[in-house]
Amino acid sequence: MTLEELNTRCKNENIQYAYGVFQEPVSPPHLIALETETDNFMADNKVFSRKGRIQLDLTMDYIDFDLIDKVENKILYDVCWNKTEATYLSDEKIWQISYFFEI
C-alpha cells in the first residue's frame, strides 16, 4: 500500500483522512497519518528501495466498533499492522487508537 492508496481507501469508506494535519478543523471520527521513520536502501547517493513507517491515528468521540472494524478490515486489510489500546484523551474528550505499519 502507498499513502495515495490509503487516501483513496479512506475516501471510499467515507472516513475523513489527512496526512500530518487537517487544513481546517474537523470533528471526529477521522484518521491522520504520519511517517515516523524511514528505512531506505541507498547506494551512490540514490534511494533504490523506499520503506516508511507510518503511524495512523484513529480519533473518535466514542468507541465505535464498526468504525474500528472498517479501518482494520477494509482500509488496512492487506497491511501487517500493530495497534495501541484505545486511549481516552480527557483534555480533548476523544478516544484514540494508533496503528503502526510499513509502506
N, C-alpha and C. Protein backbone atom coordinates (compact mmCIF):
# COMPACT_ATOMS: atom_id res chain seq x y z
N MET A 1 0.84 -1.17 0.00
CA MET A 1 0.00 0.00 0.00
C MET A 1 0.89 1.24 0.00
N THR A 2 0.39 2.29 -0.61
CA THR A 2 1.07 3.59 -0.62
C THR A 2 0.20 4.60 0.13
N LEU A 3 0.75 5.78 0.37
CA LEU A 3 -0.04 6.83 1.01
C LEU A 3 -1.20 7.26 0.11
N GLU A 4 -1.00 7.23 -1.19
CA GLU A 4 -2.08 7.57 -2.12
C GLU A 4 -3.21 6.54 -2.03
N GLU A 5 -2.84 5.26 -1.93
CA GLU A 5 -3.86 4.21 -1.78
C GLU A 5 -4.59 4.35 -0.45
N LEU A 6 -3.88 4.69 0.59
CA LEU A 6 -4.50 4.92 1.90
C LEU A 6 -5.54 6.03 1.79
N ASN A 7 -5.18 7.11 1.13
CA ASN A 7 -6.10 8.23 0.92
C ASN A 7 -7.34 7.77 0.16
N THR A 8 -7.14 7.01 -0.91
CA THR A 8 -8.25 6.52 -1.72
C THR A 8 -9.16 5.60 -0.91
N ARG A 9 -8.57 4.70 -0.15
CA ARG A 9 -9.37 3.77 0.65
C ARG A 9 -10.20 4.52 1.69
N CYS A 10 -9.62 5.53 2.30
CA CYS A 10 -10.38 6.32 3.29
C CYS A 10 -11.54 7.04 2.62
N LYS A 11 -11.30 7.61 1.44
CA LYS A 11 -12.38 8.27 0.69
C LYS A 11 -13.48 7.28 0.34
N ASN A 12 -13.09 6.08 -0.12
CA ASN A 12 -14.07 5.06 -0.49
C ASN A 12 -14.93 4.62 0.69
N GLU A 13 -14.37 4.68 1.89
CA GLU A 13 -15.10 4.27 3.10
C GLU A 13 -15.72 5.47 3.83
N ASN A 14 -15.64 6.65 3.21
CA ASN A 14 -16.21 7.88 3.78
C ASN A 14 -15.67 8.21 5.16
N ILE A 15 -14.36 8.06 5.32
CA ILE A 15 -13.69 8.41 6.57
C ILE A 15 -12.79 9.61 6.29
N GLN A 16 -12.92 10.65 7.08
CA GLN A 16 -12.07 11.82 6.91
C GLN A 16 -10.62 11.42 7.14
N TYR A 17 -9.73 11.87 6.26
CA TYR A 17 -8.33 11.48 6.32
C TYR A 17 -7.44 12.66 5.96
N ALA A 18 -6.30 12.75 6.63
CA ALA A 18 -5.28 13.74 6.28
C ALA A 18 -3.92 13.15 6.58
N TYR A 19 -2.93 13.64 5.84
CA TYR A 19 -1.54 13.30 6.14
C TYR A 19 -0.99 14.46 6.95
N GLY A 20 -0.54 14.19 8.15
CA GLY A 20 0.07 15.21 9.01
C GLY A 20 -0.93 16.00 9.81
N VAL A 21 -1.73 16.81 9.13
CA VAL A 21 -2.69 17.67 9.83
C VAL A 21 -3.79 18.09 8.85
N PHE A 22 -4.98 18.29 9.37
CA PHE A 22 -6.06 18.82 8.55
C PHE A 22 -5.84 20.32 8.37
N GLN A 23 -6.17 20.83 7.20
CA GLN A 23 -6.01 22.25 6.92
C GLN A 23 -7.03 23.10 7.68
N GLU A 24 -8.19 22.52 7.95
CA GLU A 24 -9.23 23.20 8.71
C GLU A 24 -9.69 22.26 9.81
N PRO A 25 -10.22 22.80 10.90
CA PRO A 25 -10.69 21.93 11.98
C PRO A 25 -11.78 20.97 11.50
N VAL A 26 -11.68 19.72 11.93
CA VAL A 26 -12.68 18.70 11.63
C VAL A 26 -13.08 18.00 12.91
N SER A 27 -14.28 17.51 12.93
CA SER A 27 -14.77 16.77 14.09
C SER A 27 -14.49 15.29 13.89
N PRO A 28 -14.26 14.57 14.99
CA PRO A 28 -14.09 13.12 14.88
C PRO A 28 -15.38 12.48 14.38
N PRO A 29 -15.29 11.32 13.78
CA PRO A 29 -14.12 10.46 13.64
C PRO A 29 -13.28 10.85 12.42
N HIS A 30 -12.00 10.60 12.53
CA HIS A 30 -11.10 10.84 11.41
C HIS A 30 -9.80 10.08 11.61
N LEU A 31 -9.03 9.99 10.53
CA LEU A 31 -7.73 9.33 10.52
C LEU A 31 -6.67 10.35 10.13
N ILE A 32 -5.53 10.28 10.82
CA ILE A 32 -4.38 11.12 10.48
C ILE A 32 -3.16 10.21 10.39
N ALA A 33 -2.45 10.30 9.26
CA ALA A 33 -1.25 9.50 9.04
C ALA A 33 -0.02 10.40 9.13
N LEU A 34 1.08 9.78 9.57
CA LEU A 34 2.34 10.49 9.64
C LEU A 34 3.46 9.47 9.50
N GLU A 35 4.42 9.78 8.65
CA GLU A 35 5.59 8.92 8.52
C GLU A 35 6.53 9.23 9.67
N THR A 36 6.79 8.24 10.51
CA THR A 36 7.58 8.48 11.71
C THR A 36 9.05 8.13 11.53
N GLU A 37 9.35 7.31 10.52
CA GLU A 37 10.72 6.85 10.33
C GLU A 37 10.83 6.24 8.94
N THR A 38 12.04 6.26 8.39
CA THR A 38 12.27 5.58 7.11
C THR A 38 13.39 4.57 7.28
N ASP A 39 13.35 3.56 6.43
CA ASP A 39 14.38 2.54 6.40
C ASP A 39 14.66 2.24 4.93
N ASN A 40 15.29 3.20 4.27
CA ASN A 40 15.51 3.10 2.83
C ASN A 40 16.80 2.36 2.51
N PHE A 41 16.80 1.72 1.33
CA PHE A 41 18.02 1.12 0.81
C PHE A 41 18.63 2.13 -0.15
N MET A 42 19.86 2.57 0.18
CA MET A 42 20.52 3.59 -0.61
C MET A 42 21.91 3.13 -1.04
N ALA A 43 22.33 3.65 -2.21
CA ALA A 43 23.69 3.44 -2.70
C ALA A 43 23.99 4.56 -3.70
N ASP A 44 25.22 4.99 -3.70
CA ASP A 44 25.65 6.06 -4.61
C ASP A 44 24.74 7.28 -4.53
N ASN A 45 24.36 7.63 -3.31
CA ASN A 45 23.51 8.80 -3.06
C ASN A 45 22.15 8.73 -3.76
N LYS A 46 21.66 7.52 -3.99
CA LYS A 46 20.34 7.32 -4.58
C LYS A 46 19.55 6.34 -3.71
N VAL A 47 18.26 6.58 -3.62
CA VAL A 47 17.37 5.67 -2.90
C VAL A 47 16.84 4.67 -3.92
N PHE A 48 17.14 3.38 -3.69
CA PHE A 48 16.69 2.33 -4.60
C PHE A 48 15.42 1.65 -4.11
N SER A 49 15.25 1.60 -2.82
CA SER A 49 14.06 0.99 -2.24
C SER A 49 13.64 1.82 -1.04
N ARG A 50 12.43 2.34 -1.09
CA ARG A 50 11.94 3.22 -0.03
C ARG A 50 11.00 2.45 0.88
N LYS A 51 11.23 2.56 2.18
CA LYS A 51 10.37 1.94 3.18
C LYS A 51 10.10 2.99 4.25
N GLY A 52 8.84 3.21 4.55
CA GLY A 52 8.48 4.18 5.57
C GLY A 52 7.61 3.56 6.64
N ARG A 53 7.84 3.96 7.86
CA ARG A 53 7.00 3.50 8.98
C ARG A 53 5.92 4.56 9.21
N ILE A 54 4.70 4.11 9.19
CA ILE A 54 3.54 5.00 9.29
C ILE A 54 2.84 4.80 10.62
N GLN A 55 2.44 5.91 11.21
CA GLN A 55 1.55 5.89 12.37
C GLN A 55 0.22 6.47 11.88
N LEU A 56 -0.84 5.70 12.00
CA LEU A 56 -2.17 6.11 11.58
C LEU A 56 -3.04 6.20 12.82
N ASP A 57 -3.45 7.42 13.16
CA ASP A 57 -4.25 7.65 14.36
C ASP A 57 -5.72 7.75 14.02
N LEU A 58 -6.52 6.90 14.66
CA LEU A 58 -7.97 6.94 14.54
C LEU A 58 -8.50 7.69 15.75
N THR A 59 -9.22 8.77 15.51
CA THR A 59 -9.77 9.60 16.57
C THR A 59 -11.28 9.52 16.52
N MET A 60 -11.90 9.28 17.69
CA MET A 60 -13.36 9.10 17.77
C MET A 60 -13.91 9.81 19.00
N ASP A 61 -15.18 10.24 18.91
CA ASP A 61 -15.87 10.82 20.07
C ASP A 61 -16.21 9.73 21.09
N TYR A 62 -16.49 8.55 20.59
CA TYR A 62 -16.83 7.39 21.41
C TYR A 62 -16.24 6.17 20.71
N ILE A 63 -16.07 5.09 21.43
CA ILE A 63 -15.51 3.88 20.83
C ILE A 63 -16.56 3.28 19.90
N ASP A 64 -16.26 3.32 18.62
CA ASP A 64 -17.16 2.84 17.58
C ASP A 64 -16.56 1.56 16.99
N PHE A 65 -17.07 0.41 17.43
CA PHE A 65 -16.51 -0.86 17.00
C PHE A 65 -16.70 -1.10 15.51
N ASP A 66 -17.78 -0.59 14.93
CA ASP A 66 -17.98 -0.74 13.49
C ASP A 66 -16.93 0.04 12.71
N LEU A 67 -16.60 1.23 13.18
CA LEU A 67 -15.56 2.04 12.53
C LEU A 67 -14.19 1.38 12.68
N ILE A 68 -13.89 0.87 13.86
CA ILE A 68 -12.62 0.16 14.08
C ILE A 68 -12.52 -1.03 13.13
N ASP A 69 -13.60 -1.78 13.01
CA ASP A 69 -13.64 -2.93 12.11
C ASP A 69 -13.43 -2.48 10.66
N LYS A 70 -14.03 -1.36 10.27
CA LYS A 70 -13.87 -0.85 8.91
C LYS A 70 -12.41 -0.48 8.63
N VAL A 71 -11.77 0.19 9.59
CA VAL A 71 -10.36 0.57 9.42
C VAL A 71 -9.50 -0.67 9.29
N GLU A 72 -9.70 -1.64 10.15
CA GLU A 72 -8.85 -2.82 10.17
C GLU A 72 -9.11 -3.78 9.02
N ASN A 73 -10.37 -3.91 8.58
CA ASN A 73 -10.71 -4.93 7.59
C ASN A 73 -10.98 -4.40 6.19
N LYS A 74 -11.15 -3.09 6.04
CA LYS A 74 -11.39 -2.54 4.70
C LYS A 74 -10.30 -1.58 4.27
N ILE A 75 -9.64 -0.93 5.21
CA ILE A 75 -8.58 0.02 4.83
C ILE A 75 -7.21 -0.62 4.98
N LEU A 76 -6.98 -1.30 6.09
CA LEU A 76 -5.67 -1.92 6.34
C LEU A 76 -5.68 -3.43 6.10
N TYR A 77 -6.57 -3.90 5.27
CA TYR A 77 -6.77 -5.34 5.07
C TYR A 77 -5.54 -6.07 4.55
N ASP A 78 -4.68 -5.40 3.80
CA ASP A 78 -3.51 -6.08 3.21
C ASP A 78 -2.20 -5.60 3.81
N VAL A 79 -2.27 -5.01 5.00
CA VAL A 79 -1.10 -4.46 5.67
C VAL A 79 -0.89 -5.19 6.99
N CYS A 80 0.35 -5.51 7.31
CA CYS A 80 0.67 -6.07 8.63
C CYS A 80 0.81 -4.90 9.59
N TRP A 81 -0.09 -4.82 10.56
CA TRP A 81 -0.10 -3.68 11.47
C TRP A 81 -0.14 -4.12 12.92
N ASN A 82 0.28 -3.21 13.77
CA ASN A 82 0.12 -3.32 15.21
C ASN A 82 -0.68 -2.11 15.65
N LYS A 83 -1.33 -2.21 16.80
CA LYS A 83 -2.09 -1.06 17.27
C LYS A 83 -2.00 -0.92 18.78
N THR A 84 -2.31 0.28 19.24
CA THR A 84 -2.36 0.54 20.66
C THR A 84 -3.77 0.27 21.16
N GLU A 85 -3.90 0.20 22.45
CA GLU A 85 -5.23 0.12 23.04
C GLU A 85 -5.92 1.47 22.85
N ALA A 86 -7.22 1.47 22.91
CA ALA A 86 -7.96 2.73 22.85
C ALA A 86 -7.60 3.56 24.06
N THR A 87 -7.22 4.79 23.82
CA THR A 87 -6.81 5.70 24.89
C THR A 87 -7.76 6.89 24.92
N TYR A 88 -8.23 7.23 26.11
CA TYR A 88 -9.11 8.40 26.25
C TYR A 88 -8.25 9.61 26.56
N LEU A 89 -8.34 10.63 25.71
CA LEU A 89 -7.61 11.88 25.92
C LEU A 89 -8.58 12.86 26.56
N SER A 90 -8.52 12.94 27.89
CA SER A 90 -9.53 13.68 28.65
C SER A 90 -9.52 15.18 28.33
N ASP A 91 -8.39 15.77 28.03
CA ASP A 91 -8.33 17.19 27.71
C ASP A 91 -9.14 17.52 26.45
N GLU A 92 -9.15 16.57 25.50
CA GLU A 92 -9.85 16.79 24.24
C GLU A 92 -11.18 16.04 24.18
N LYS A 93 -11.43 15.19 25.17
CA LYS A 93 -12.65 14.38 25.26
C LYS A 93 -12.85 13.53 24.02
N ILE A 94 -11.78 12.83 23.63
CA ILE A 94 -11.83 11.93 22.48
C ILE A 94 -11.11 10.63 22.80
N TRP A 95 -11.40 9.62 22.01
CA TRP A 95 -10.70 8.35 22.07
C TRP A 95 -9.76 8.26 20.89
N GLN A 96 -8.61 7.61 21.10
CA GLN A 96 -7.64 7.48 20.02
C GLN A 96 -7.03 6.08 20.02
N ILE A 97 -6.90 5.52 18.82
CA ILE A 97 -6.20 4.26 18.59
C ILE A 97 -5.15 4.54 17.53
N SER A 98 -3.92 4.10 17.76
CA SER A 98 -2.85 4.28 16.78
C SER A 98 -2.49 2.95 16.16
N TYR A 99 -2.37 2.94 14.82
CA TYR A 99 -1.95 1.79 14.05
C TYR A 99 -0.56 2.06 13.51
N PHE A 100 0.29 1.05 13.52
CA PHE A 100 1.67 1.18 13.05
C PHE A 100 1.93 0.14 11.97
N PHE A 101 2.46 0.57 10.83
CA PHE A 101 2.75 -0.35 9.72
C PHE A 101 3.79 0.28 8.80
N GLU A 102 4.29 -0.53 7.88
CA GLU A 102 5.27 -0.06 6.90
C GLU A 102 4.65 0.00 5.52
N ILE A 103 5.12 0.97 4.74
CA ILE A 103 4.71 1.04 3.34
C ILE A 103 5.95 1.09 2.47
